[in-house]
Amino acid sequence: MKQLSRYKALKVIHDTQGRIFSASFIKKDGTTRHMVARIGVTKNQKGGTNGASAKNNLVTVYDMLKGGYRMINLKTLLTLKASGETYEVV
């Protein structure tokens, strides 16, 4: 398993260009979540503002298993699997 910084993890997520990836992270309530997700999905969008920004380290993704939009906090990201590579985020 390769090690990856949080900044480079964001780059790996954006480099997927809509392909499916998986991530494990710690949720706000302290539990660990494993998610299979994609970025760039426009299905079922509604109006409003996106709460994610580079300032608060959130990435908006589409959760493939739950069928809805979720946010991944890069500060609590544990592992990332994309393009056949598995990374440990440090």
PDB file of N, CA and C in Angstrom:
ATOM      1  N   MET A   1       0.841  -1.169   0.000  1.00  0.00           N
ATOM      2  CA  MET A   1       0.000   0.000   0.000  1.00  0.00           C
ATOM      3  C   MET A   1       0.891   1.237   0.000  1.00  0.00           C
ATOM      4  N   LYS A   2       0.657   2.110  -0.938  1.00  0.00           N
ATOM      5  CA  LYS A   2       1.443   3.340  -1.035  1.00  0.00           C
ATOM      6  C   LYS A   2       0.902   4.391  -0.082  1.00  0.00           C
ATOM      7  N   GLN A   3       1.793   5.281   0.357  1.00  0.00           N
ATOM      8  CA  GLN A   3       1.369   6.384   1.212  1.00  0.00           C
ATOM      9  C   GLN A   3       1.179   7.629   0.354  1.00  0.00           C
ATOM     10  N   LEU A   4       0.237   8.472   0.786  1.00  0.00           N
ATOM     11  CA  LEU A   4      -0.163   9.624  -0.002  1.00  0.00           C
ATOM     12  C   LEU A   4      -0.512  10.762   0.941  1.00  0.00           C
ATOM     13  N   SER A   5      -0.141  11.984   0.583  1.00  0.00           N
ATOM     14  CA  SER A   5      -0.522  13.138   1.398  1.00  0.00           C
ATOM     15  C   SER A   5      -1.962  13.524   1.081  1.00  0.00           C
ATOM     16  N   ARG A   6      -2.570  14.309   1.944  1.00  0.00           N
ATOM     17  CA  ARG A   6      -3.957  14.724   1.740  1.00  0.00           C
ATOM     18  C   ARG A   6      -4.104  15.590   0.494  1.00  0.00           C
ATOM     19  N   TYR A   7      -3.136  16.431   0.210  1.00  0.00           N
ATOM     20  CA  TYR A   7      -3.183  17.266  -0.984  1.00  0.00           C
ATOM     21  C   TYR A   7      -3.139  16.406  -2.248  1.00  0.00           C
ATOM     22  N   LYS A   8      -2.289  15.401  -2.253  1.00  0.00           N
ATOM     23  CA  LYS A   8      -2.196  14.520  -3.417  1.00  0.00           C
ATOM     24  C   LYS A   8      -3.408  13.604  -3.524  1.00  0.00           C
ATOM     25  N   ALA A   9      -4.051  13.302  -2.397  1.00  0.00           N
ATOM     26  CA  ALA A   9      -5.277  12.504  -2.435  1.00  0.00           C
ATOM     27  C   ALA A   9      -6.368  13.250  -3.190  1.00  0.00           C
ATOM     28  N   LEU A  10      -6.465  14.543  -2.982  1.00  0.00           N
ATOM     29  CA  LEU A  10      -7.427  15.352  -3.727  1.00  0.00           C
ATOM     30  C   LEU A  10      -7.133  15.303  -5.220  1.00  0.00           C
ATOM     31  N   LYS A  11      -5.867  15.345  -5.586  1.00  0.00           N
ATOM     32  CA  LYS A  11      -5.482  15.263  -6.993  1.00  0.00           C
ATOM     33  C   LYS A  11      -5.840  13.894  -7.577  1.00  0.00           C
ATOM     34  N   VAL A  12      -5.626  12.828  -6.818  1.00  0.00           N
ATOM     35  CA  VAL A  12      -5.974  11.482  -7.286  1.00  0.00           C
ATOM     36  C   VAL A  12      -7.480  11.379  -7.508  1.00  0.00           C
ATOM     37  N   ILE A  13      -8.276  11.953  -6.600  1.00  0.00           N
ATOM     38  CA  ILE A  13      -9.732  11.922  -6.749  1.00  0.00           C
ATOM     39  C   ILE A  13     -10.154  12.671  -8.009  1.00  0.00           C
ATOM     40  N   HIS A  14      -9.581  13.848  -8.237  1.00  0.00           N
ATOM     41  CA  HIS A  14      -9.941  14.618  -9.429  1.00  0.00           C
ATOM     42  C   HIS A  14      -9.427  13.967 -10.708  1.00  0.00           C
ATOM     43  N   ASP A  15      -8.326  13.242 -10.629  1.00  0.00           N
ATOM     44  CA  ASP A  15      -7.781  12.563 -11.807  1.00  0.00           C
ATOM     45  C   ASP A  15      -8.599  11.348 -12.227  1.00  0.00           C
ATOM     46  N   THR A  16      -9.530  10.896 -11.378  1.00  0.00           N
ATOM     47  CA  THR A  16     -10.380   9.783 -11.782  1.00  0.00           C
ATOM     48  C   THR A  16     -11.326  10.186 -12.907  1.00  0.00           C
ATOM     49  N   GLN A  17     -11.619  11.467 -13.040  1.00  0.00           N
ATOM     50  CA  GLN A  17     -12.447  12.021 -14.118  1.00  0.00           C
ATOM     51  C   GLN A  17     -13.770  11.274 -14.263  1.00  0.00           C
ATOM     52  N   GLY A  18     -14.427  10.991 -13.145  1.00  0.00           N
ATOM     53  CA  GLY A  18     -15.727  10.347 -13.177  1.00  0.00           C
ATOM     54  C   GLY A  18     -15.707   8.836 -13.057  1.00  0.00           C
ATOM     55  N   ARG A  19     -14.531   8.233 -13.055  1.00  0.00           N
ATOM     56  CA  ARG A  19     -14.464   6.780 -12.850  1.00  0.00           C
ATOM     57  C   ARG A  19     -14.709   6.475 -11.375  1.00  0.00           C
ATOM     58  N   ILE A  20     -15.138   5.262 -11.105  1.00  0.00           N
ATOM     59  CA  ILE A  20     -15.476   4.853  -9.748  1.00  0.00           C
ATOM     60  C   ILE A  20     -14.200   4.661  -8.918  1.00  0.00           C
ATOM     61  N   PHE A  21     -14.253   5.120  -7.664  1.00  0.00           N
ATOM     62  CA  PHE A  21     -13.164   4.917  -6.709  1.00  0.00           C
ATOM     63  C   PHE A  21     -13.782   4.606  -5.356  1.00  0.00           C
ATOM     64  N   SER A  22     -12.967   4.142  -4.419  1.00  0.00           N
ATOM     65  CA  SER A  22     -13.468   3.891  -3.066  1.00  0.00           C
ATOM     66  C   SER A  22     -12.605   4.646  -2.063  1.00  0.00           C
ATOM     67  N   ALA A  23     -13.238   4.986  -0.951  1.00  0.00           N
ATOM     68  CA  ALA A  23     -12.549   5.733   0.092  1.00  0.00           C
ATOM     69  C   ALA A  23     -13.066   5.304   1.451  1.00  0.00           C
ATOM     70  N   SER A  24     -12.193   5.332   2.439  1.00  0.00           N
ATOM     71  CA  SER A  24     -12.571   5.114   3.832  1.00  0.00           C
ATOM     72  C   SER A  24     -12.169   6.355   4.608  1.00  0.00           C
ATOM     73  N   PHE A  25     -13.095   6.826   5.434  1.00  0.00           N
ATOM     74  CA  PHE A  25     -12.823   8.033   6.206  1.00  0.00           C
ATOM     75  C   PHE A  25     -13.628   8.009   7.488  1.00  0.00           C
ATOM     76  N   ILE A  26     -13.299   8.909   8.394  1.00  0.00           N
ATOM     77  CA  ILE A  26     -14.002   9.010   9.662  1.00  0.00           C
ATOM     78  C   ILE A  26     -15.075  10.082   9.514  1.00  0.00           C
ATOM     79  N   LYS A  27     -16.321   9.697   9.815  1.00  0.00           N
ATOM     80  CA  LYS A  27     -17.432  10.630   9.711  1.00  0.00           C
ATOM     81  C   LYS A  27     -17.422  11.604  10.881  1.00  0.00           C
ATOM     82  N   LYS A  28     -18.272  12.600  10.793  1.00  0.00           N
ATOM     83  CA  LYS A  28     -18.349  13.630  11.820  1.00  0.00           C
ATOM     84  C   LYS A  28     -18.709  13.055  13.189  1.00  0.00           C
ATOM     85  N   ASP A  29     -19.504  11.969  13.219  1.00  0.00           N
ATOM     86  CA  ASP A  29     -19.897  11.378  14.501  1.00  0.00           C
ATOM     87  C   ASP A  29     -18.867  10.398  15.053  1.00  0.00           C
ATOM     88  N   GLY A  30     -17.732  10.226  14.346  1.00  0.00           N
ATOM     89  CA  GLY A  30     -16.644   9.393  14.841  1.00  0.00           C
ATOM     90  C   GLY A  30     -16.611   7.983  14.291  1.00  0.00           C
ATOM     91  N   THR A  31     -17.615   7.587  13.533  1.00  0.00           N
ATOM     92  CA  THR A  31     -17.626   6.249  12.951  1.00  0.00           C
ATOM     93  C   THR A  31     -16.890   6.251  11.618  1.00  0.00           C
ATOM     94  N   THR A  32     -16.447   5.081  11.216  1.00  0.00           N
ATOM     95  CA  THR A  32     -15.719   4.953   9.955  1.00  0.00           C
ATOM     96  C   THR A  32     -16.684   4.560   8.850  1.00  0.00           C
ATOM     97  N   ARG A  33     -16.551   5.196   7.702  1.00  0.00           N
ATOM     98  CA  ARG A  33     -17.403   4.876   6.556  1.00  0.00           C
ATOM     99  C   ARG A  33     -16.528   4.454   5.387  1.00  0.00           C
ATOM    100  N   HIS A  34     -16.958   3.387   4.720  1.00  0.00           N
ATOM    101  CA  HIS A  34     -16.340   2.955   3.466  1.00  0.00           C
ATOM    102  C   HIS A  34     -17.321   3.311   2.355  1.00  0.00           C
ATOM    103  N   MET A  35     -16.857   4.020   1.355  1.00  0.00           N
ATOM    104  CA  MET A  35     -17.733   4.525   0.312  1.00  0.00           C
ATOM    105  C   MET A  35     -17.188   4.187  -1.071  1.00  0.00           C
ATOM    106  N   VAL A  36     -18.079   3.773  -1.958  1.00  0.00           N
ATOM    107  CA  VAL A  36     -17.771   3.603  -3.374  1.00  0.00           C
ATOM    108  C   VAL A  36     -18.417   4.797  -4.059  1.00  0.00           C
ATOM    109  N   ALA A  37     -17.624   5.602  -4.753  1.00  0.00           N
ATOM    110  CA  ALA A  37     -18.130   6.890  -5.214  1.00  0.00           C
ATOM    111  C   ALA A  37     -17.580   7.286  -6.579  1.00  0.00           C
ATOM    112  N   ARG A  38     -18.165   8.352  -7.103  1.00  0.00           N
ATOM    113  CA  ARG A  38     -17.714   8.995  -8.345  1.00  0.00           C
ATOM    114  C   ARG A  38     -17.823  10.506  -8.167  1.00  0.00           C
ATOM    115  N   ILE A  39     -17.058  11.239  -8.941  1.00  0.00           N
ATOM    116  CA  ILE A  39     -17.237  12.679  -9.014  1.00  0.00           C
ATOM    117  C   ILE A  39     -17.812  13.006 -10.388  1.00  0.00           C
ATOM    118  N   GLY A  40     -18.356  14.181 -10.529  1.00  0.00           N
ATOM    119  CA  GLY A  40     -18.852  14.626 -11.823  1.00  0.00           C
ATOM    120  C   GLY A  40     -20.235  14.126 -12.196  1.00  0.00           C
ATOM    121  N   VAL A  41     -20.959  13.529 -11.273  1.00  0.00           N
ATOM    122  CA  VAL A  41     -22.310  13.035 -11.549  1.00  0.00           C
ATOM    123  C   VAL A  41     -23.276  14.211 -11.459  1.00  0.00           C
ATOM    124  N   THR A  42     -24.176  14.338 -12.437  1.00  0.00           N
ATOM    125  CA  THR A  42     -25.128  15.440 -12.439  1.00  0.00           C
ATOM    126  C   THR A  42     -26.571  14.965 -12.278  1.00  0.00           C
ATOM    127  N   LYS A  43     -26.783  13.691 -12.045  1.00  0.00           N
ATOM    128  CA  LYS A  43     -28.120  13.121 -11.860  1.00  0.00           C
ATOM    129  C   LYS A  43     -28.728  13.614 -10.544  1.00  0.00           C
ATOM    130  N   ASN A  44     -30.014  13.899 -10.571  1.00  0.00           N
ATOM    131  CA  ASN A  44     -30.780  14.279  -9.378  1.00  0.00           C
ATOM    132  C   ASN A  44     -30.269  15.519  -8.654  1.00  0.00           C
ATOM    133  N   GLN A  45     -29.681  16.447  -9.362  1.00  0.00           N
ATOM    134  CA  GLN A  45     -29.226  17.671  -8.707  1.00  0.00           C
ATOM    135  C   GLN A  45     -30.402  18.601  -8.485  1.00  0.00           C
ATOM    136  N   LYS A  46     -30.343  19.330  -7.384  1.00  0.00           N
ATOM    137  CA  LYS A  46     -31.346  20.339  -7.087  1.00  0.00           C
ATOM    138  C   LYS A  46     -30.625  21.662  -6.908  1.00  0.00           C
ATOM    139  N   GLY A  47     -31.365  22.745  -6.948  1.00  0.00           N
ATOM    140  CA  GLY A  47     -30.761  24.065  -6.788  1.00  0.00           C
ATOM    141  C   GLY A  47     -30.190  24.261  -5.404  1.00  0.00           C
ATOM    142  N   GLY A  48     -29.416  25.280  -5.248  1.00  0.00           N
ATOM    143  CA  GLY A  48     -28.817  25.577  -3.950  1.00  0.00           C
ATOM    144  C   GLY A  48     -27.316  25.707  -4.078  1.00  0.00           C
ATOM    145  N   THR A  49     -26.680  25.941  -2.962  1.00  0.00           N
ATOM    146  CA  THR A  49     -25.237  26.116  -2.975  1.00  0.00           C
ATOM    147  C   THR A  49     -24.559  24.858  -2.457  1.00  0.00           C
ATOM    148  N   ASN A  50     -23.375  24.637  -2.931  1.00  0.00           N
ATOM    149  CA  ASN A  50     -22.578  23.495  -2.509  1.00  0.00           C
ATOM    150  C   ASN A  50     -21.759  23.906  -1.293  1.00  0.00           C
ATOM    151  N   GLY A  51     -21.851  23.149  -0.220  1.00  0.00           N
ATOM    152  CA  GLY A  51     -21.136  23.478   1.007  1.00  0.00           C
ATOM    153  C   GLY A  51     -19.663  23.118   0.975  1.00  0.00           C
ATOM    154  N   ALA A  52     -19.227  22.424  -0.072  1.00  0.00           N
ATOM    155  CA  ALA A  52     -17.828  21.999  -0.157  1.00  0.00           C
ATOM    156  C   ALA A  52     -16.971  23.122  -0.721  1.00  0.00           C
ATOM    157  N   SER A  53     -15.805  23.255  -0.176  1.00  0.00           N
ATOM    158  CA  SER A  53     -14.827  24.201  -0.707  1.00  0.00           C
ATOM    159  C   SER A  53     -13.440  23.743  -0.295  1.00  0.00           C
ATOM    160  N   ALA A  54     -12.439  24.271  -0.960  1.00  0.00           N
ATOM    161  CA  ALA A  54     -11.063  23.917  -0.621  1.00  0.00           C
ATOM    162  C   ALA A  54     -10.709  24.401   0.787  1.00  0.00           C
ATOM    163  N   LYS A  55     -11.398  25.428   1.233  1.00  0.00           N
ATOM    164  CA  LYS A  55     -11.110  25.992   2.547  1.00  0.00           C
ATOM    165  C   LYS A  55     -11.440  25.012   3.670  1.00  0.00           C
ATOM    166  N   ASN A  56     -12.549  24.269   3.547  1.00  0.00           N
ATOM    167  CA  ASN A  56     -12.916  23.350   4.614  1.00  0.00           C
ATOM    168  C   ASN A  56     -12.642  21.887   4.269  1.00  0.00           C
ATOM    169  N   ASN A  57     -11.848  21.631   3.230  1.00  0.00           N
ATOM    170  CA  ASN A  57     -11.358  20.292   2.879  1.00  0.00           C
ATOM    171  C   ASN A  57     -12.451  19.273   2.593  1.00  0.00           C
ATOM    172  N   LEU A  58     -13.553  19.690   1.991  1.00  0.00           N
ATOM    173  CA  LEU A  58     -14.635  18.777   1.644  1.00  0.00           C
ATOM    174  C   LEU A  58     -14.690  18.575   0.133  1.00  0.00           C
ATOM    175  N   VAL A  59     -14.955  17.337  -0.275  1.00  0.00           N
ATOM    176  CA  VAL A  59     -15.111  17.000  -1.687  1.00  0.00           C
ATOM    177  C   VAL A  59     -16.491  16.380  -1.853  1.00  0.00           C
ATOM    178  N   THR A  60     -17.304  16.926  -2.743  1.00  0.00           N
ATOM    179  CA  THR A  60     -18.623  16.377  -2.998  1.00  0.00           C
ATOM    180  C   THR A  60     -18.508  15.234  -3.998  1.00  0.00           C
ATOM    181  N   VAL A  61     -19.074  14.080  -3.638  1.00  0.00           N
ATOM    182  CA  VAL A  61     -19.033  12.891  -4.495  1.00  0.00           C
ATOM    183  C   VAL A  61     -20.432  12.295  -4.554  1.00  0.00           C
ATOM    184  N   TYR A  62     -20.646  11.411  -5.509  1.00  0.00           N
ATOM    185  CA  TYR A  62     -21.906  10.675  -5.608  1.00  0.00           C
ATOM    186  C   TYR A  62     -21.658   9.274  -5.070  1.00  0.00           C
ATOM    187  N   ASP A  63     -22.349   8.910  -4.006  1.00  0.00           N
ATOM    188  CA  ASP A  63     -22.217   7.589  -3.382  1.00  0.00           C
ATOM    189  C   ASP A  63     -22.980   6.578  -4.233  1.00  0.00           C
ATOM    190  N   MET A  64     -22.267   5.632  -4.818  1.00  0.00           N
ATOM    191  CA  MET A  64     -22.860   4.672  -5.734  1.00  0.00           C
ATOM    192  C   MET A  64     -23.787   3.680  -5.019  1.00  0.00           C
ATOM    193  N   LEU A  65     -23.513   3.356  -3.773  1.00  0.00           N
ATOM    194  CA  LEU A  65     -24.326   2.381  -3.051  1.00  0.00           C
ATOM    195  C   LEU A  65     -25.581   3.009  -2.454  1.00  0.00           C
ATOM    196  N   LYS A  66     -25.483   4.225  -1.949  1.00  0.00           N
ATOM    197  CA  LYS A  66     -26.623   4.904  -1.336  1.00  0.00           C
ATOM    198  C   LYS A  66     -27.456   5.666  -2.366  1.00  0.00           C
ATOM    199  N   GLY A  67     -26.874   5.951  -3.537  1.00  0.00           N
ATOM    200  CA  GLY A  67     -27.605   6.659  -4.586  1.00  0.00           C
ATOM    201  C   GLY A  67     -27.853   8.114  -4.278  1.00  0.00           C
ATOM    202  N   GLY A  68     -26.899   8.768  -3.640  1.00  0.00           N
ATOM    203  CA  GLY A  68     -27.054  10.182  -3.306  1.00  0.00           C
ATOM    204  C   GLY A  68     -25.714  10.859  -3.168  1.00  0.00           C
ATOM    205  N   TYR A  69     -25.767  12.162  -3.030  1.00  0.00           N
ATOM    206  CA  TYR A  69     -24.544  12.947  -2.898  1.00  0.00           C
ATOM    207  C   TYR A  69     -24.079  12.948  -1.451  1.00  0.00           C
ATOM    208  N   ARG A  70     -22.777  12.820  -1.267  1.00  0.00           N
ATOM    209  CA  ARG A  70     -22.151  12.853   0.052  1.00  0.00           C
ATOM    210  C   ARG A  70     -20.886  13.701  -0.048  1.00  0.00           C
ATOM    211  N   MET A  71     -20.329  14.035   1.106  1.00  0.00           N
ATOM    212  CA  MET A  71     -19.076  14.782   1.140  1.00  0.00           C
ATOM    213  C   MET A  71     -18.021  13.975   1.864  1.00  0.00           C
ATOM    214  N   ILE A  72     -16.815  14.017   1.339  1.00  0.00           N
ATOM    215  CA  ILE A  72     -15.667  13.370   1.964  1.00  0.00           C
ATOM    216  C   ILE A  72     -14.793  14.470   2.553  1.00  0.00           C
ATOM    217  N   ASN A  73     -14.490  14.351   3.835  1.00  0.00           N
ATOM    218  CA  ASN A  73     -13.603  15.296   4.499  1.00  0.00           C
ATOM    219  C   ASN A  73     -12.171  14.798   4.320  1.00  0.00           C
ATOM    220  N   LEU A  74     -11.340  15.565   3.632  1.00  0.00           N
ATOM    221  CA  LEU A  74      -9.966  15.151   3.370  1.00  0.00           C
ATOM    222  C   LEU A  74      -9.129  15.079   4.647  1.00  0.00           C
ATOM    223  N   LYS A  75      -9.512  15.814   5.678  1.00  0.00           N
ATOM    224  CA  LYS A  75      -8.766  15.786   6.937  1.00  0.00           C
ATOM    225  C   LYS A  75      -8.885  14.442   7.646  1.00  0.00           C
ATOM    226  N   THR A  76      -9.987  13.725   7.409  1.00  0.00           N
ATOM    227  CA  THR A  76     -10.202  12.446   8.092  1.00  0.00           C
ATOM    228  C   THR A  76     -10.111  11.251   7.142  1.00  0.00           C
ATOM    229  N   LEU A  77      -9.640  11.468   5.928  1.00  0.00           N
ATOM    230  CA  LEU A  77      -9.506  10.399   4.939  1.00  0.00           C
ATOM    231  C   LEU A  77      -8.441   9.402   5.394  1.00  0.00           C
ATOM    232  N   LEU A  78      -8.782   8.105   5.375  1.00  0.00           N
ATOM    233  CA  LEU A  78      -7.862   7.057   5.824  1.00  0.00           C
ATOM    234  C   LEU A  78      -7.234   6.319   4.650  1.00  0.00           C
ATOM    235  N   THR A  79      -8.073   5.778   3.748  1.00  0.00           N
ATOM    236  CA  THR A  79      -7.568   5.048   2.592  1.00  0.00           C
ATOM    237  C   THR A  79      -8.316   5.487   1.346  1.00  0.00           C
ATOM    238  N   LEU A  80      -7.659   5.276   0.214  1.00  0.00           N
ATOM    239  CA  LEU A  80      -8.219   5.644  -1.076  1.00  0.00           C
ATOM    240  C   LEU A  80      -7.789   4.595  -2.081  1.00  0.00           C
ATOM    241  N   LYS A  81      -8.735   4.104  -2.885  1.00  0.00           N
ATOM    242  CA  LYS A  81      -8.412   3.150  -3.929  1.00  0.00           C
ATOM    243  C   LYS A  81      -8.947   3.700  -5.242  1.00  0.00           C
ATOM    244  N   ALA A  82      -8.034   3.968  -6.180  1.00  0.00           N
ATOM    245  CA  ALA A  82      -8.409   4.543  -7.465  1.00  0.00           C
ATOM    246  C   ALA A  82      -7.440   4.067  -8.528  1.00  0.00           C
ATOM    247  N   SER A  83      -7.967   3.793  -9.692  1.00  0.00           N
ATOM    248  CA  SER A  83      -7.163   3.386 -10.851  1.00  0.00           C
ATOM    249  C   SER A  83      -6.289   2.171 -10.541  1.00  0.00           C
ATOM    250  N   GLY A  84      -6.797   1.236  -9.768  1.00  0.00           N
ATOM    251  CA  GLY A  84      -6.070   0.018  -9.460  1.00  0.00           C
ATOM    252  C   GLY A  84      -5.000   0.148  -8.400  1.00  0.00           C
ATOM    253  N   GLU A  85      -4.841   1.322  -7.821  1.00  0.00           N
ATOM    254  CA  GLU A  85      -3.847   1.540  -6.767  1.00  0.00           C
ATOM    255  C   GLU A  85      -4.558   1.768  -5.437  1.00  0.00           C
ATOM    256  N   THR A  86      -3.970   1.270  -4.358  1.00  0.00           N
ATOM    257  CA  THR A  86      -4.498   1.496  -3.014  1.00  0.00           C
ATOM    258  C   THR A  86      -3.520   2.381  -2.266  1.00  0.00           C
ATOM    259  N   TYR A  87      -4.057   3.427  -1.649  1.00  0.00           N
ATOM    260  CA  TYR A  87      -3.228   4.423  -0.953  1.00  0.00           C
ATOM    261  C   TYR A  87      -3.658   4.527   0.491  1.00  0.00           C
ATOM    262  N   GLU A  88      -2.674   4.726   1.366  1.00  0.00           N
ATOM    263  CA  GLU A  88      -2.916   5.084   2.752  1.00  0.00           C
ATOM    264  C   GLU A  88      -2.636   6.564   2.859  1.00  0.00           C
ATOM    265  N   VAL A  89      -3.615   7.331   3.329  1.00  0.00           N
ATOM    266  CA  VAL A  89      -3.479   8.791   3.403  1.00  0.00           C
ATOM    267  C   VAL A  89      -2.874   9.159   4.742  1.00  0.00           C
ATOM    268  N   VAL A  90      -1.761   9.886   4.671  1.00  0.00           N
ATOM    269  CA  VAL A  90      -1.066  10.299   5.905  1.00  0.00           C
ATOM    270  C   VAL A  90      -1.019  11.804   6.010  1.00  0.00           C
TER     271      VAL A  90
END
